[in-house]
N, C-alpha and C. Protein backbone atom coordinates (compact mmCIF):
# COMPACT_ATOMS: atom_id res chain seq x y z
N MET A 1 -91.28 -119.17 68.10
CA MET A 1 -91.29 -118.01 69.05
C MET A 1 -92.68 -117.77 69.77
N HIS A 2 -92.54 -117.78 71.21
CA HIS A 2 -93.90 -117.53 71.82
C HIS A 2 -93.65 -115.77 72.29
N TYR A 3 -95.07 -115.31 72.22
CA TYR A 3 -95.01 -114.03 72.71
C TYR A 3 -96.38 -113.78 73.46
N LYS A 4 -96.36 -112.92 74.30
CA LYS A 4 -97.59 -112.21 75.29
C LYS A 4 -98.07 -111.19 74.73
N THR A 5 -99.17 -110.74 74.23
CA THR A 5 -99.52 -109.69 73.82
C THR A 5 -101.15 -109.15 74.36
N ASN A 6 -101.68 -107.90 74.15
CA ASN A 6 -102.85 -107.73 74.85
C ASN A 6 -104.00 -108.19 73.90
N ILE A 7 -103.61 -109.14 73.02
CA ILE A 7 -104.79 -109.79 72.19
C ILE A 7 -104.69 -111.40 72.67
N GLY A 8 -103.68 -111.97 73.31
CA GLY A 8 -103.56 -112.83 73.96
C GLY A 8 -101.97 -113.64 73.38
N GLU A 9 -102.02 -114.67 73.89
CA GLU A 9 -100.54 -115.30 73.48
C GLU A 9 -100.55 -115.81 72.46
N ILE A 10 -99.24 -115.76 71.78
CA ILE A 10 -99.27 -116.16 70.18
C ILE A 10 -98.15 -116.90 69.77
N ASP A 11 -98.00 -117.68 69.02
CA ASP A 11 -96.78 -118.52 68.42
C ASP A 11 -96.65 -117.99 67.27
N LEU A 12 -95.28 -117.60 66.81
CA LEU A 12 -95.03 -117.03 65.61
C LEU A 12 -93.58 -117.59 65.08
N GLU A 13 -93.52 -117.51 63.75
CA GLU A 13 -92.17 -118.07 63.22
C GLU A 13 -91.49 -116.76 62.92
N GLU A 14 -90.14 -116.55 62.55
CA GLU A 14 -89.37 -115.61 62.29
C GLU A 14 -90.07 -114.75 61.00
N LYS A 15 -90.30 -115.74 60.24
CA LYS A 15 -90.74 -114.92 58.79
C LYS A 15 -92.16 -114.19 59.05
N ASP A 16 -92.71 -114.37 59.95
CA ASP A 16 -94.08 -113.88 60.24
C ASP A 16 -94.08 -112.47 60.94
N ILE A 17 -92.78 -111.97 61.15
CA ILE A 17 -92.53 -110.97 62.06
C ILE A 17 -92.35 -109.74 61.06
N ILE A 18 -93.08 -108.58 61.21
CA ILE A 18 -92.95 -107.52 60.44
C ILE A 18 -91.92 -106.48 60.96
N LEU A 19 -90.90 -105.99 60.30
CA LEU A 19 -89.99 -105.17 60.92
C LEU A 19 -90.19 -103.90 60.66
N PHE A 20 -90.16 -103.01 61.38
CA PHE A 20 -90.22 -101.49 61.29
C PHE A 20 -88.94 -100.95 61.91
N ASN A 21 -87.92 -100.79 61.07
CA ASN A 21 -86.34 -100.41 61.24
C ASN A 21 -86.68 -98.82 61.91
N GLY A 22 -87.40 -98.27 61.60
CA GLY A 22 -87.53 -96.80 62.46
C GLY A 22 -88.68 -96.54 63.28
N GLY A 23 -89.16 -97.94 63.70
CA GLY A 23 -90.28 -98.09 64.55
C GLY A 23 -91.69 -97.36 63.88
N LEU A 24 -92.73 -96.82 64.80
CA LEU A 24 -93.72 -96.10 64.39
C LEU A 24 -93.85 -95.07 64.97
N PRO A 25 -94.37 -93.84 64.41
CA PRO A 25 -94.68 -92.73 64.84
C PRO A 25 -95.17 -92.80 66.56
N GLY A 26 -94.87 -92.27 67.35
CA GLY A 26 -95.30 -92.55 68.83
C GLY A 26 -94.67 -94.08 69.46
N PHE A 27 -94.15 -94.66 68.60
CA PHE A 27 -93.51 -96.09 69.27
C PHE A 27 -92.11 -96.33 68.50
N GLU A 28 -91.44 -95.11 68.55
CA GLU A 28 -90.09 -95.32 67.79
C GLU A 28 -89.18 -96.35 68.21
N ASN A 29 -89.37 -96.88 69.41
CA ASN A 29 -88.39 -97.90 69.93
C ASN A 29 -88.95 -99.25 69.78
N LEU A 30 -89.95 -99.27 69.28
CA LEU A 30 -90.58 -100.78 69.04
C LEU A 30 -90.46 -100.90 67.43
N ARG A 31 -89.87 -102.19 67.26
CA ARG A 31 -89.48 -102.61 66.02
C ARG A 31 -90.22 -103.62 65.22
N LYS A 32 -90.61 -104.90 66.13
CA LYS A 32 -91.17 -105.88 65.76
C LYS A 32 -92.75 -106.27 65.93
N PHE A 33 -93.40 -106.16 64.94
CA PHE A 33 -94.64 -106.30 64.86
C PHE A 33 -95.44 -107.59 64.16
N ALA A 34 -96.45 -108.03 64.52
CA ALA A 34 -97.33 -109.08 63.69
C ALA A 34 -98.85 -108.29 63.44
N LEU A 35 -99.29 -109.10 62.39
CA LEU A 35 -100.63 -108.75 62.10
C LEU A 35 -101.38 -109.76 62.48
N PHE A 36 -102.67 -109.54 63.05
CA PHE A 36 -103.52 -110.54 63.45
C PHE A 36 -104.96 -110.00 63.30
N ALA A 37 -105.74 -111.00 62.90
CA ALA A 37 -107.25 -110.87 62.67
C ALA A 37 -107.97 -111.83 63.71
N LEU A 38 -108.71 -111.00 64.39
CA LEU A 38 -109.44 -111.75 65.59
C LEU A 38 -111.00 -111.81 65.01
N GLU A 39 -111.71 -113.17 64.99
CA GLU A 39 -112.92 -113.35 64.30
C GLU A 39 -113.89 -112.29 64.97
N ASP A 40 -113.70 -111.59 66.32
CA ASP A 40 -114.57 -110.70 66.88
C ASP A 40 -114.61 -109.48 66.27
N THR A 41 -113.36 -109.08 65.60
CA THR A 41 -113.22 -107.64 65.32
C THR A 41 -113.02 -107.46 63.82
N LYS A 42 -113.27 -108.72 62.86
CA LYS A 42 -113.30 -108.33 61.52
C LYS A 42 -114.50 -107.51 60.99
N PRO A 43 -113.76 -106.56 59.91
CA PRO A 43 -112.48 -106.63 59.21
C PRO A 43 -111.43 -106.13 59.99
N VAL A 44 -111.66 -105.55 61.01
CA VAL A 44 -110.31 -104.77 61.74
C VAL A 44 -109.36 -105.65 62.05
N GLN A 45 -108.16 -105.42 61.82
CA GLN A 45 -107.13 -106.41 62.10
C GLN A 45 -106.30 -105.83 63.01
N TRP A 46 -105.23 -106.31 63.78
CA TRP A 46 -104.37 -105.92 64.69
C TRP A 46 -102.80 -105.90 64.32
N LEU A 47 -102.21 -104.78 64.48
CA LEU A 47 -100.99 -104.51 64.38
C LEU A 47 -100.18 -104.77 65.76
N VAL A 48 -99.70 -105.82 66.05
CA VAL A 48 -99.23 -106.08 67.71
C VAL A 48 -98.03 -106.06 67.83
N SER A 49 -97.49 -105.28 69.04
CA SER A 49 -96.17 -105.19 69.07
C SER A 49 -95.55 -106.56 69.73
N LEU A 50 -94.41 -107.12 69.20
CA LEU A 50 -93.80 -108.14 70.17
C LEU A 50 -92.97 -107.89 70.99
N GLU A 51 -92.75 -106.41 71.18
CA GLU A 51 -91.68 -105.94 72.33
C GLU A 51 -92.42 -105.22 73.38
N ASP A 52 -93.48 -104.95 73.35
CA ASP A 52 -94.25 -104.42 74.56
C ASP A 52 -95.89 -105.14 74.46
N GLU A 53 -96.15 -105.94 75.44
CA GLU A 53 -97.52 -106.51 75.23
C GLU A 53 -98.66 -105.50 75.45
N LYS A 54 -98.39 -104.36 75.78
CA LYS A 54 -99.49 -103.46 75.97
C LYS A 54 -99.94 -103.04 74.62
N ILE A 55 -98.95 -103.01 73.60
CA ILE A 55 -99.14 -102.09 72.31
C ILE A 55 -99.98 -102.86 71.29
N SER A 56 -101.18 -102.68 70.73
CA SER A 56 -101.67 -103.22 69.52
C SER A 56 -102.36 -102.13 68.68
N LEU A 57 -102.25 -101.92 67.66
CA LEU A 57 -103.09 -100.85 66.95
C LEU A 57 -104.07 -101.56 65.97
N PRO A 58 -105.23 -101.02 66.00
CA PRO A 58 -106.41 -101.49 65.11
C PRO A 58 -105.92 -100.95 63.83
N VAL A 59 -106.10 -101.78 62.57
CA VAL A 59 -105.85 -101.20 61.30
C VAL A 59 -106.83 -101.88 60.29
N LEU A 60 -107.05 -101.19 59.34
CA LEU A 60 -107.98 -101.54 58.05
C LEU A 60 -107.18 -101.33 56.68
N ASP A 61 -107.96 -102.10 55.65
CA ASP A 61 -107.39 -101.89 54.48
C ASP A 61 -107.92 -100.53 54.11
N PRO A 62 -107.46 -99.38 53.93
CA PRO A 62 -108.07 -98.11 53.40
C PRO A 62 -109.08 -98.39 52.05
N TRP A 63 -108.93 -99.09 51.08
CA TRP A 63 -109.84 -99.26 50.17
C TRP A 63 -111.13 -100.05 50.47
N MET A 64 -111.26 -100.58 51.90
CA MET A 64 -112.53 -101.13 52.04
C MET A 64 -113.43 -99.94 52.80
N VAL A 65 -112.61 -98.97 53.20
CA VAL A 65 -113.42 -97.96 53.72
C VAL A 65 -113.58 -96.85 52.49
N MET A 66 -112.77 -96.47 51.83
CA MET A 66 -112.64 -95.41 50.70
C MET A 66 -112.42 -96.23 49.39
N SER A 67 -113.37 -96.41 48.68
CA SER A 67 -112.94 -97.21 47.29
C SER A 67 -112.16 -96.39 46.31
N ASP A 68 -112.20 -95.16 46.37
CA ASP A 68 -111.44 -94.59 45.52
C ASP A 68 -110.09 -93.90 46.26
N TYR A 69 -109.63 -94.34 47.23
CA TYR A 69 -108.36 -94.00 47.82
C TYR A 69 -107.40 -94.44 46.90
N SER A 70 -106.35 -93.50 47.00
CA SER A 70 -104.97 -93.51 46.29
C SER A 70 -104.03 -93.28 47.03
N ILE A 71 -102.69 -94.11 46.62
CA ILE A 71 -101.43 -93.13 47.48
C ILE A 71 -100.45 -93.68 46.37
N ASP A 72 -99.47 -92.28 46.26
CA ASP A 72 -98.54 -92.44 45.37
C ASP A 72 -97.06 -92.55 46.35
N VAL A 73 -96.66 -93.58 46.33
CA VAL A 73 -95.32 -93.92 47.12
C VAL A 73 -94.05 -93.43 46.42
N PRO A 74 -93.35 -92.44 46.95
CA PRO A 74 -92.19 -92.01 46.15
C PRO A 74 -91.10 -93.35 46.16
N GLU A 75 -90.05 -93.08 45.29
CA GLU A 75 -88.92 -93.93 45.34
C GLU A 75 -88.23 -93.98 46.46
N ASP A 76 -87.90 -93.08 47.18
CA ASP A 76 -86.95 -93.42 48.43
C ASP A 76 -88.07 -94.30 49.30
N ILE A 77 -89.02 -94.18 49.37
CA ILE A 77 -89.83 -94.96 50.48
C ILE A 77 -89.75 -96.41 49.86
N ILE A 78 -89.94 -96.61 48.41
CA ILE A 78 -89.95 -98.06 47.82
C ILE A 78 -88.50 -98.70 47.89
N SER A 79 -87.52 -97.85 47.99
CA SER A 79 -85.98 -97.98 48.34
C SER A 79 -85.98 -98.51 49.80
N LEU A 80 -86.30 -97.66 50.81
CA LEU A 80 -86.08 -98.13 51.90
C LEU A 80 -86.95 -99.73 52.30
N LEU A 81 -88.00 -99.80 51.88
CA LEU A 81 -88.85 -101.15 52.04
C LEU A 81 -88.19 -102.30 51.12
N LYS A 82 -87.44 -101.93 50.38
CA LYS A 82 -86.63 -102.62 49.36
C LYS A 82 -87.52 -103.49 48.55
N LEU A 83 -88.68 -102.84 48.13
CA LEU A 83 -89.71 -103.31 47.32
C LEU A 83 -89.48 -103.38 45.70
N ASN A 84 -89.20 -104.70 45.41
CA ASN A 84 -89.04 -104.82 43.71
C ASN A 84 -90.33 -105.01 43.16
N ASP A 85 -91.32 -105.71 43.58
CA ASP A 85 -92.68 -105.62 42.93
C ASP A 85 -93.83 -104.62 43.69
N LYS A 86 -94.20 -103.90 43.06
CA LYS A 86 -95.29 -103.08 43.80
C LYS A 86 -96.52 -103.65 44.06
N ASN A 87 -96.88 -104.69 43.47
CA ASN A 87 -97.75 -105.50 43.61
C ASN A 87 -97.72 -106.30 45.06
N LYS A 88 -96.54 -106.21 45.76
CA LYS A 88 -96.27 -106.99 46.80
C LYS A 88 -96.48 -105.85 47.87
N LEU A 89 -96.80 -104.79 47.60
CA LEU A 89 -96.90 -103.67 48.74
C LEU A 89 -98.24 -103.71 49.32
N PHE A 90 -98.28 -104.07 50.65
CA PHE A 90 -99.66 -104.03 51.58
C PHE A 90 -99.76 -102.95 52.19
N VAL A 91 -101.17 -102.34 51.95
CA VAL A 91 -101.02 -101.05 52.79
C VAL A 91 -102.34 -101.10 53.73
N LEU A 92 -102.20 -100.50 54.80
CA LEU A 92 -103.13 -100.53 56.01
C LEU A 92 -103.06 -98.96 56.30
N SER A 93 -104.22 -98.92 57.16
CA SER A 93 -104.49 -97.47 57.86
C SER A 93 -104.92 -97.88 59.37
N VAL A 94 -104.35 -97.20 60.32
CA VAL A 94 -104.67 -96.92 61.58
C VAL A 94 -106.23 -96.52 61.84
N VAL A 95 -106.86 -97.31 62.88
CA VAL A 95 -108.15 -96.93 63.02
C VAL A 95 -108.19 -96.62 64.31
N ARG A 96 -109.10 -95.57 64.86
CA ARG A 96 -109.50 -95.12 66.31
C ARG A 96 -110.64 -95.56 66.61
N ILE A 97 -110.85 -96.46 67.45
CA ILE A 97 -112.08 -96.83 68.05
C ILE A 97 -112.61 -96.39 69.26
N PRO A 98 -113.46 -95.37 69.48
CA PRO A 98 -113.77 -94.63 70.74
C PRO A 98 -114.55 -95.89 71.61
N ASP A 99 -114.16 -96.00 72.76
CA ASP A 99 -114.85 -96.91 73.71
C ASP A 99 -116.31 -96.78 73.80
N SER A 100 -116.73 -95.42 73.90
CA SER A 100 -117.97 -95.18 74.17
C SER A 100 -118.92 -95.11 73.19
N ASN A 101 -118.33 -95.09 71.83
CA ASN A 101 -119.16 -94.88 70.70
C ASN A 101 -118.44 -95.21 69.19
N PRO A 102 -118.59 -96.78 69.14
CA PRO A 102 -117.95 -97.37 68.14
C PRO A 102 -118.37 -97.10 66.56
N GLU A 103 -119.37 -96.36 66.88
CA GLU A 103 -120.29 -95.64 65.44
C GLU A 103 -119.31 -94.50 64.90
N SER A 104 -118.62 -93.97 65.75
CA SER A 104 -117.84 -92.90 65.47
C SER A 104 -116.19 -93.01 65.32
N MET A 105 -115.94 -94.46 64.61
CA MET A 105 -114.95 -94.82 64.49
C MET A 105 -114.19 -94.09 63.26
N THR A 106 -112.85 -93.68 63.53
CA THR A 106 -112.02 -92.99 62.33
C THR A 106 -110.95 -93.75 61.89
N ILE A 107 -110.49 -93.23 60.68
CA ILE A 107 -109.43 -93.92 60.21
C ILE A 107 -108.46 -93.05 59.45
N ASN A 108 -107.30 -93.28 59.58
CA ASN A 108 -106.18 -92.27 59.20
C ASN A 108 -105.55 -92.71 58.10
N LEU A 109 -106.15 -91.98 56.95
CA LEU A 109 -105.94 -92.06 55.55
C LEU A 109 -104.74 -91.25 55.11
N ALA A 110 -104.41 -90.32 56.03
CA ALA A 110 -103.26 -89.46 55.56
C ALA A 110 -101.72 -90.25 55.94
N ALA A 111 -101.56 -91.20 56.76
CA ALA A 111 -100.28 -91.62 57.04
C ALA A 111 -100.24 -93.30 56.90
N PRO A 112 -100.60 -93.88 55.96
CA PRO A 112 -100.73 -95.33 55.91
C PRO A 112 -99.49 -96.15 56.10
N ILE A 113 -99.83 -97.22 56.83
CA ILE A 113 -98.62 -98.08 56.94
C ILE A 113 -98.44 -99.07 55.87
N LEU A 114 -97.32 -99.11 55.31
CA LEU A 114 -96.72 -99.83 54.03
C LEU A 114 -95.95 -101.03 54.47
N ILE A 115 -96.43 -102.19 53.91
CA ILE A 115 -95.48 -103.39 54.29
C ILE A 115 -95.30 -104.19 53.11
N ASN A 116 -94.02 -104.51 52.83
CA ASN A 116 -93.58 -105.34 51.55
C ASN A 116 -93.67 -106.65 52.10
N LEU A 117 -94.60 -107.29 51.51
CA LEU A 117 -95.01 -108.59 51.59
C LEU A 117 -93.82 -109.79 51.35
N GLU A 118 -92.83 -109.19 50.85
CA GLU A 118 -91.63 -110.35 50.15
C GLU A 118 -90.91 -110.28 51.11
N ASN A 119 -90.34 -109.28 52.02
CA ASN A 119 -89.45 -109.45 52.96
C ASN A 119 -90.00 -108.98 54.32
N ASN A 120 -91.28 -108.57 54.45
CA ASN A 120 -91.83 -108.03 55.72
C ASN A 120 -91.12 -106.85 56.39
N LEU A 121 -90.75 -105.77 55.68
CA LEU A 121 -90.41 -104.78 56.03
C LEU A 121 -91.22 -103.71 56.08
N GLY A 122 -91.44 -102.89 56.99
CA GLY A 122 -92.93 -101.85 57.16
C GLY A 122 -92.23 -100.73 57.58
N LEU A 123 -93.25 -99.65 57.32
CA LEU A 123 -92.84 -98.39 57.72
C LEU A 123 -94.35 -97.86 57.57
N GLN A 124 -94.32 -96.54 58.41
CA GLN A 124 -95.69 -95.73 58.32
C GLN A 124 -95.05 -94.62 57.60
N TYR A 125 -95.97 -94.38 56.39
CA TYR A 125 -95.43 -93.23 55.44
C TYR A 125 -96.28 -91.98 55.57
N ILE A 126 -95.72 -90.89 56.01
CA ILE A 126 -96.33 -89.70 56.32
C ILE A 126 -96.09 -88.85 55.10
N PRO A 127 -96.74 -88.54 54.29
CA PRO A 127 -96.13 -87.51 53.01
C PRO A 127 -96.16 -86.33 53.50
N GLN A 128 -95.45 -85.36 52.75
CA GLN A 128 -95.39 -84.01 53.08
C GLN A 128 -96.71 -83.36 53.06
N THR A 129 -97.60 -83.36 51.93
CA THR A 129 -98.89 -83.15 51.58
C THR A 129 -99.75 -84.41 51.36
N SER A 130 -100.89 -84.22 51.70
CA SER A 130 -101.88 -85.38 51.45
C SER A 130 -103.33 -84.58 51.33
N GLN A 131 -104.38 -85.35 50.26
CA GLN A 131 -105.30 -84.88 50.53
C GLN A 131 -106.28 -85.61 51.35
N TYR A 132 -105.53 -86.31 52.35
CA TYR A 132 -106.37 -87.00 53.18
C TYR A 132 -105.94 -86.57 54.66
N HIS A 133 -106.94 -87.01 55.57
CA HIS A 133 -106.72 -86.51 56.79
C HIS A 133 -106.81 -87.56 57.85
N LEU A 134 -106.09 -87.29 58.89
CA LEU A 134 -105.71 -88.03 60.08
C LEU A 134 -106.79 -88.76 60.60
N ARG A 135 -108.24 -88.01 60.42
CA ARG A 135 -109.43 -88.77 60.91
C ARG A 135 -110.50 -88.50 59.87
N HIS A 136 -110.63 -89.75 59.34
CA HIS A 136 -111.94 -89.91 58.37
C HIS A 136 -113.20 -90.64 59.08
N TYR A 137 -114.12 -90.12 59.49
CA TYR A 137 -115.49 -91.20 59.98
C TYR A 137 -115.50 -92.30 58.87
N VAL A 138 -115.37 -93.28 59.44
CA VAL A 138 -115.20 -94.71 58.60
C VAL A 138 -116.99 -94.71 58.20
N LYS A 139 -117.95 -94.55 58.94
CA LYS A 139 -119.27 -94.63 58.37
C LYS A 139 -119.73 -93.53 57.32
N GLU A 140 -119.02 -92.33 57.40
CA GLU A 140 -119.30 -91.39 56.39
C GLU A 140 -118.55 -91.64 54.96
N GLU A 141 -117.39 -92.48 55.04
CA GLU A 141 -116.68 -92.81 53.93
C GLU A 141 -117.40 -93.97 53.35
N LEU A 142 -117.95 -94.91 54.29
CA LEU A 142 -118.28 -96.24 53.74
C LEU A 142 -119.82 -95.63 52.85
N GLU A 143 -120.68 -94.65 53.35
CA GLU A 143 -121.67 -94.27 52.61
C GLU A 143 -121.27 -93.45 51.37
N ARG A 144 -120.12 -92.47 51.49
CA ARG A 144 -119.61 -91.94 50.33
C ARG A 144 -119.12 -93.21 49.43
N SER A 145 -118.45 -93.88 49.70
CA SER A 145 -117.90 -95.10 48.63
C SER A 145 -119.27 -95.91 48.24
N LYS A 146 -120.08 -95.93 48.81
CA LYS A 146 -121.18 -96.65 48.31
C LYS A 146 -122.15 -95.91 47.20
N LYS A 147 -122.13 -94.36 47.58
CA LYS A 147 -122.78 -93.79 46.56
C LYS A 147 -121.94 -93.64 45.19
N LEU A 148 -120.75 -93.33 45.23
CA LEU A 148 -119.84 -93.55 44.13
C LEU A 148 -119.78 -94.82 43.47
N GLN A 149 -119.93 -95.96 44.03
CA GLN A 149 -120.24 -97.32 43.26
C GLN A 149 -121.56 -97.38 42.57
N GLU A 150 -122.63 -96.59 43.28
CA GLU A 150 -123.78 -96.96 42.63
C GLU A 150 -124.14 -96.04 41.24
N ASN A 151 -123.25 -94.60 41.66
CA ASN A 151 -123.09 -93.66 40.50
C ASN A 151 -122.23 -94.46 39.31
N GLN A 152 -121.33 -95.26 39.77
CA GLN A 152 -120.48 -96.07 38.44
C GLN A 152 -121.52 -96.80 37.70
N LYS A 153 -122.23 -97.78 38.49
CA LYS A 153 -122.98 -98.79 37.88
C LYS A 153 -123.92 -98.13 37.21
N ASP A 154 -124.65 -96.96 37.56
CA ASP A 154 -125.53 -96.15 36.57
C ASP A 154 -125.06 -95.83 35.26
N ARG A 155 -124.02 -95.39 35.02
CA ARG A 155 -123.06 -94.93 34.05
C ARG A 155 -122.57 -96.06 33.20
N ASP A 156 -122.59 -97.39 33.88
CA ASP A 156 -122.26 -98.51 32.91
C ASP A 156 -123.34 -98.80 32.29
């Protein structure tokens, strides 16, 4: 199938479509998305709507930014995703990249996007409470993670 998106025209097979049955917060009417990596924006990837060509969300693997990130996914969410193997859970976080200052990019670690890689079902998980915030500065978290890793090496 051929789709027109704001990152370009793309061809996809049905198996490559990520289905968000409940949509995403702010985009509840959009269900079909695909994940793309563009050479120019790596490691940032794009979660692109296949139903509204204007919508694409920049996303990152949260562990790339915060090495000690952790998430406890409750059983009801695992059930919604029809997840049989927790190793098949793919986690992404939405990033905000200000036009005027990419250095001040932030990442939403409080509400990760969860995708079951076996069936391509996805949802954005918003826990009742979280130790994380909607906006963590990527640059600060990378520096903090680097220090954590250096301290770990010193202990080893």
